[in-house]
C-alpha cells in the first residue's frame, strides 16, 4: 500500500480544503498539531490500494517541520505533498499562477559569525521532480524556486530577493517541509498558488486579510482540481 500524505499549512488553506471536500472526508480526527482525515483514493483516480491522508500542518516553519516529521513517523508517508498559497513578486508572476517548486531557500537566516552563504546552503533543498518529467503541465503551472521565511515579504526586500535569489514568490513553510522530507529520504512534491503580489510600493493583501482568504479558496480549489495529474505516476 502506498501512503500519500497531503500537508496543508495555513488555517485559511485548511478551511478551504475542508469546504471543497465536504461530504468526502473519512475518519476526521485530531492530531497534536491539527486535524487530519482520509479520502477515498478513487477521488483522485488513485489505485484502491493507495492510502490518501490530508493533514493540517499549521503555519510557519516550526509547525511545518513538526508536522512533516509526524506525517512520516505516525502516518507512514511514502510520498509527501504540500498544497498551499504564496505571495508573488509583482512583475515576475501573476496572481493565480501555480508553482511546481523545484528548490526551496530559507532566506531569513542571519549569520554574522561564520559564512552567511554556508548557512543559507545548509537549509536549501533541491527537490527531485524527475518523476514528473512526462507530465504535460497546465498553462497556469510553472516550475520555480520558492523562498521561505517566518514572515511575509517585506516591501523593502523585494529588489534584494530578485537580485540575490532570482525570486518569483515566497511562503512560510515550504523550506521546512522540503528539508525534513529530504532528511528522511521521502519524496516531496510542493505546489503553491499565488494569492497576492508584493512590490516595493505595496502588498495587495497587507492590511486586507479578507482578500487573502477569498483568493485562497480559489487557489486551493485549483490545486485540488489538478492534483490527480501529479499522482498518476
Protein backbone atom coordinates (compact mmCIF):
# COMPACT_ATOMS: atom_id res chain seq x y z
CA UNK A 1 0.00 0.00 0.00
CA UNK A 2 1.28 3.46 -0.89
CA UNK A 3 0.72 6.08 1.81
CA UNK A 4 0.28 9.55 0.37
CA UNK A 5 0.06 12.42 2.85
CA UNK A 6 -1.09 15.87 1.75
CA UNK A 7 0.11 18.60 4.09
CA UNK A 8 -1.91 21.83 4.15
CA UNK A 9 -0.32 24.60 6.20
CA UNK A 10 -2.27 27.80 6.90
CA UNK A 11 -5.66 27.84 8.59
CA UNK A 12 -7.32 29.58 5.63
CA UNK A 13 -5.93 26.91 3.30
CA UNK A 14 -7.21 24.09 5.53
CA UNK A 15 -10.67 25.61 5.86
CA UNK A 16 -10.87 25.92 2.09
CA UNK A 17 -9.90 22.27 1.61
CA UNK A 18 -12.49 21.11 4.14
CA UNK A 19 -15.16 23.19 2.43
CA UNK A 20 -14.28 21.85 -1.02
CA UNK A 21 -14.12 18.22 0.15
CA UNK A 22 -17.12 18.41 2.49
CA UNK A 23 -19.01 15.14 2.46
CA UNK A 24 -15.98 13.18 1.22
CA UNK A 25 -13.81 13.30 4.35
CA UNK A 26 -13.40 9.96 6.11
CA UNK A 27 -12.38 9.44 9.74
CA UNK A 28 -11.88 13.12 10.66
CA UNK A 29 -9.73 13.18 13.78
CA UNK A 30 -7.34 15.35 15.80
CA UNK A 31 -3.55 15.17 15.99
CA UNK A 32 -1.30 17.11 18.41
CA UNK A 33 -0.94 19.70 15.64
CA UNK A 34 -4.29 19.92 13.88
CA UNK A 35 -6.98 17.91 12.13
CA UNK A 36 -6.46 15.04 9.74
CA UNK A 37 -8.75 12.94 7.58
CA UNK A 38 -8.64 10.23 4.96
CA UNK A 39 -10.05 10.48 1.49
CA UNK A 40 -11.05 7.69 -0.81
CA UNK A 41 -8.23 7.18 -3.33
CA UNK A 42 -10.87 6.99 -6.04
CA UNK A 43 -11.50 10.72 -5.52
CA UNK A 44 -8.23 11.41 -7.35
CA UNK A 45 -8.25 8.33 -9.59
CA UNK A 46 -5.69 6.51 -7.46
CA UNK A 47 -5.49 2.72 -7.15
CA UNK A 48 -7.78 1.40 -4.43
CA UNK A 49 -4.69 0.10 -2.62
CA UNK A 50 -3.42 3.65 -2.03
CA UNK A 51 -3.97 5.39 1.31
CA UNK A 52 -4.64 9.12 0.97
CA UNK A 53 -4.44 11.30 4.09
CA UNK A 54 -4.82 15.08 4.47
CA UNK A 55 -3.09 16.71 7.44
CA UNK A 56 -3.34 20.27 8.72
CA UNK A 57 0.28 21.29 9.28
CA UNK A 58 -0.11 24.77 10.72
CA UNK A 59 1.57 28.00 9.65
CA UNK A 60 5.28 28.80 9.96
CA UNK A 61 8.49 26.79 9.89
CA UNK A 62 8.14 25.27 13.37
CA UNK A 63 4.71 23.74 12.75
CA UNK A 64 5.67 22.77 9.21
CA UNK A 65 8.77 20.88 10.33
CA UNK A 66 6.98 19.15 13.21
CA UNK A 67 4.02 18.00 11.15
CA UNK A 68 6.21 16.82 8.30
CA UNK A 69 8.05 14.54 10.71
CA UNK A 70 4.70 13.49 12.22
CA UNK A 71 3.44 12.53 8.77
CA UNK A 72 6.49 10.35 8.27
CA UNK A 73 6.61 8.75 11.73
CA UNK A 74 2.91 8.35 12.52
CA UNK A 75 1.19 8.27 9.12
CA UNK A 76 3.88 6.27 7.34
CA UNK A 77 4.14 8.70 4.42
CA UNK A 78 5.76 7.23 1.31
CA UNK A 79 5.05 10.44 -0.60
CA UNK A 80 4.56 13.91 0.88
CA UNK A 81 2.64 16.62 -0.91
CA UNK A 82 2.26 20.20 0.21
CA UNK A 83 -0.59 22.22 -1.26
CA UNK A 84 -0.84 25.87 -0.36
CA UNK A 85 -0.51 29.54 -1.17
CA UNK A 86 2.31 32.02 -1.58
CA UNK A 87 2.95 35.69 -2.21
CA UNK A 88 4.35 36.68 -5.59
CA UNK A 89 6.75 39.42 -6.59
CA UNK A 90 4.98 41.95 -8.77
CA UNK A 91 6.16 41.85 -12.38
CA UNK A 92 7.65 38.37 -12.08
CA UNK A 93 4.50 36.30 -11.65
CA UNK A 94 0.72 36.71 -11.72
CA UNK A 95 -1.98 36.01 -9.17
CA UNK A 96 -3.45 32.58 -9.75
CA UNK A 97 -0.21 31.12 -11.12
CA UNK A 98 0.70 27.74 -9.67
CA UNK A 99 4.32 26.94 -8.80
CA UNK A 100 5.76 23.46 -9.02
CA UNK A 101 8.59 24.01 -6.57
CA UNK A 102 12.00 22.76 -7.70
CA UNK A 103 14.08 24.31 -4.92
CA UNK A 104 13.39 25.80 -1.50
CA UNK A 105 15.52 28.50 0.10
CA UNK A 106 15.10 29.67 3.69
CA UNK A 107 16.15 33.29 3.31
CA UNK A 108 15.57 34.77 6.78
CA UNK A 109 18.71 33.22 8.30
CA UNK A 110 21.11 35.91 9.54
CA UNK A 111 24.62 34.55 10.17
CA UNK A 112 27.18 37.08 11.46
CA UNK A 113 29.82 34.80 12.98
CA UNK A 114 30.62 32.49 10.09
CA UNK A 115 29.87 32.17 6.37
CA UNK A 116 26.36 33.54 5.63
CA UNK A 117 26.15 31.65 2.33
CA UNK A 118 27.02 28.36 4.03
CA UNK A 119 24.18 28.96 6.48
CA UNK A 120 21.72 29.53 3.64
CA UNK A 121 23.01 26.48 1.77
CA UNK A 122 22.51 24.32 4.89
CA UNK A 123 18.74 24.65 4.64
CA UNK A 124 18.37 24.90 0.88
CA UNK A 125 16.86 21.84 -0.80
CA UNK A 126 16.64 20.85 -4.45
CA UNK A 127 13.56 18.71 -4.88
CA UNK A 128 13.67 15.73 -7.20
CA UNK A 129 10.83 16.23 -9.67
CA UNK A 130 12.30 13.95 -12.35
CA UNK A 131 9.40 11.53 -11.86
CA UNK A 132 7.12 14.23 -13.27
CA UNK A 133 9.06 14.77 -16.49
CA UNK A 134 6.46 13.03 -18.66
CA UNK A 135 3.63 15.22 -17.36
CA UNK A 136 2.36 17.99 -19.57
CA UNK A 137 1.92 20.89 -17.17
CA UNK A 138 -1.25 23.03 -17.43
CA UNK A 139 -0.68 26.59 -18.71
CA UNK A 140 -1.02 28.09 -15.23
CA UNK A 141 1.66 25.83 -13.70
CA UNK A 142 5.35 26.71 -13.85
CA UNK A 143 8.49 25.26 -12.33
CA UNK A 144 10.23 27.69 -9.98
CA UNK A 145 12.18 28.04 -6.73
CA UNK A 146 10.34 29.04 -3.57
CA UNK A 147 11.71 31.28 -0.85
CA UNK A 148 10.58 30.67 2.73
CA UNK A 149 10.73 32.77 5.89
CA UNK A 150 8.74 33.19 9.07
CA UNK A 151 7.35 36.47 7.78
CA UNK A 152 5.54 37.99 4.86
CA UNK A 153 7.62 39.55 2.11
CA UNK A 154 8.95 42.94 3.19
CA UNK A 155 8.47 45.55 0.51
CA UNK A 156 11.99 46.88 1.01
CA UNK A 157 13.40 43.37 0.47
CA UNK A 158 11.89 42.90 -3.00
CA UNK A 159 14.91 44.17 -5.02
CA UNK A 160 17.31 42.05 -2.92
CA UNK A 161 15.20 38.91 -3.25
CA UNK A 162 15.16 39.28 -7.02
CA UNK A 163 18.84 40.13 -7.38
CA UNK A 164 20.20 37.59 -4.89
CA UNK A 165 17.82 34.65 -5.36
CA UNK A 166 16.11 35.31 -8.71
CA UNK A 167 12.92 35.02 -6.67
CA UNK A 168 9.39 34.98 -8.02
CA UNK A 169 7.47 34.06 -4.83
CA UNK A 170 7.79 33.31 -1.13
CA UNK A 171 5.88 31.49 1.59
CA UNK A 172 6.28 30.49 5.24
CA UNK A 173 6.52 26.68 5.19
CA UNK A 174 7.94 25.11 2.02
CA UNK A 175 11.56 25.34 3.16
CA UNK A 176 10.92 23.41 6.38
CA UNK A 177 8.75 20.78 4.71
CA UNK A 178 11.28 20.10 1.94
CA UNK A 179 14.21 19.96 4.37
CA UNK A 180 12.60 17.44 6.73
CA UNK A 181 11.40 15.29 3.83
CA UNK A 182 14.88 15.36 2.31
CA UNK A 183 16.49 14.33 5.64
CA UNK A 184 14.14 11.35 5.77
CA UNK A 185 14.65 10.49 2.07
CA UNK A 186 10.91 10.80 1.43
CA UNK A 187 9.80 12.08 -2.00
CA UNK A 188 8.20 15.50 -1.68
CA UNK A 189 6.05 17.49 -4.08
CA UNK A 190 5.17 21.12 -3.36
CA UNK A 191 2.51 23.01 -5.32
CA UNK A 192 1.76 26.59 -4.31
CA UNK A 193 -0.62 29.12 -5.85
CA UNK A 194 -0.08 32.89 -5.84
CA UNK A 195 -2.80 34.73 -3.92
CA UNK A 196 -1.34 38.23 -3.87
CA UNK A 197 1.51 40.34 -5.21
CA UNK A 198 4.08 42.45 -3.40
CA UNK A 199 6.06 45.33 -4.89
CA UNK A 200 8.42 47.92 -3.43
CA UNK A 201 5.38 50.18 -3.02
CA UNK A 202 2.69 47.90 -1.62
CA UNK A 203 1.37 44.46 -0.85
CA UNK A 204 -2.08 43.62 -2.20
CA UNK A 205 -3.16 41.68 0.89
CA UNK A 206 -1.32 43.72 3.52
CA UNK A 207 -3.97 45.10 5.81
CA UNK A 208 -6.58 43.20 3.79
CA UNK A 209 -6.69 39.64 5.10
CA UNK A 210 -10.11 39.07 3.54
CA UNK A 211 -8.54 39.39 0.09
CA UNK A 212 -6.09 36.64 1.02
CA UNK A 213 -8.85 34.42 2.35
CA UNK A 214 -11.05 34.80 -0.72
CA UNK A 215 -8.21 34.16 -3.13
CA UNK A 216 -7.07 31.21 -1.02
CA UNK A 217 -10.39 29.50 -1.74
CA UNK A 218 -9.77 29.87 -5.47
CA UNK A 219 -6.16 28.69 -5.26
CA UNK A 220 -6.95 25.62 -3.16
CA UNK A 221 -9.81 24.65 -5.46
CA UNK A 222 -7.45 24.82 -8.43
CA UNK A 223 -4.76 22.79 -6.64
CA UNK A 224 -7.23 20.04 -5.81
CA UNK A 225 -8.51 20.12 -9.39
CA UNK A 226 -5.06 19.47 -10.90
CA UNK A 227 -3.80 17.16 -8.15
CA UNK A 228 -4.70 13.91 -9.99
CA UNK A 229 -2.33 14.92 -12.79
CA UNK A 230 0.61 14.73 -10.38
CA UNK A 231 -0.49 11.50 -8.75
CA UNK A 232 -0.91 9.37 -11.85
CA UNK A 233 2.68 8.12 -11.57
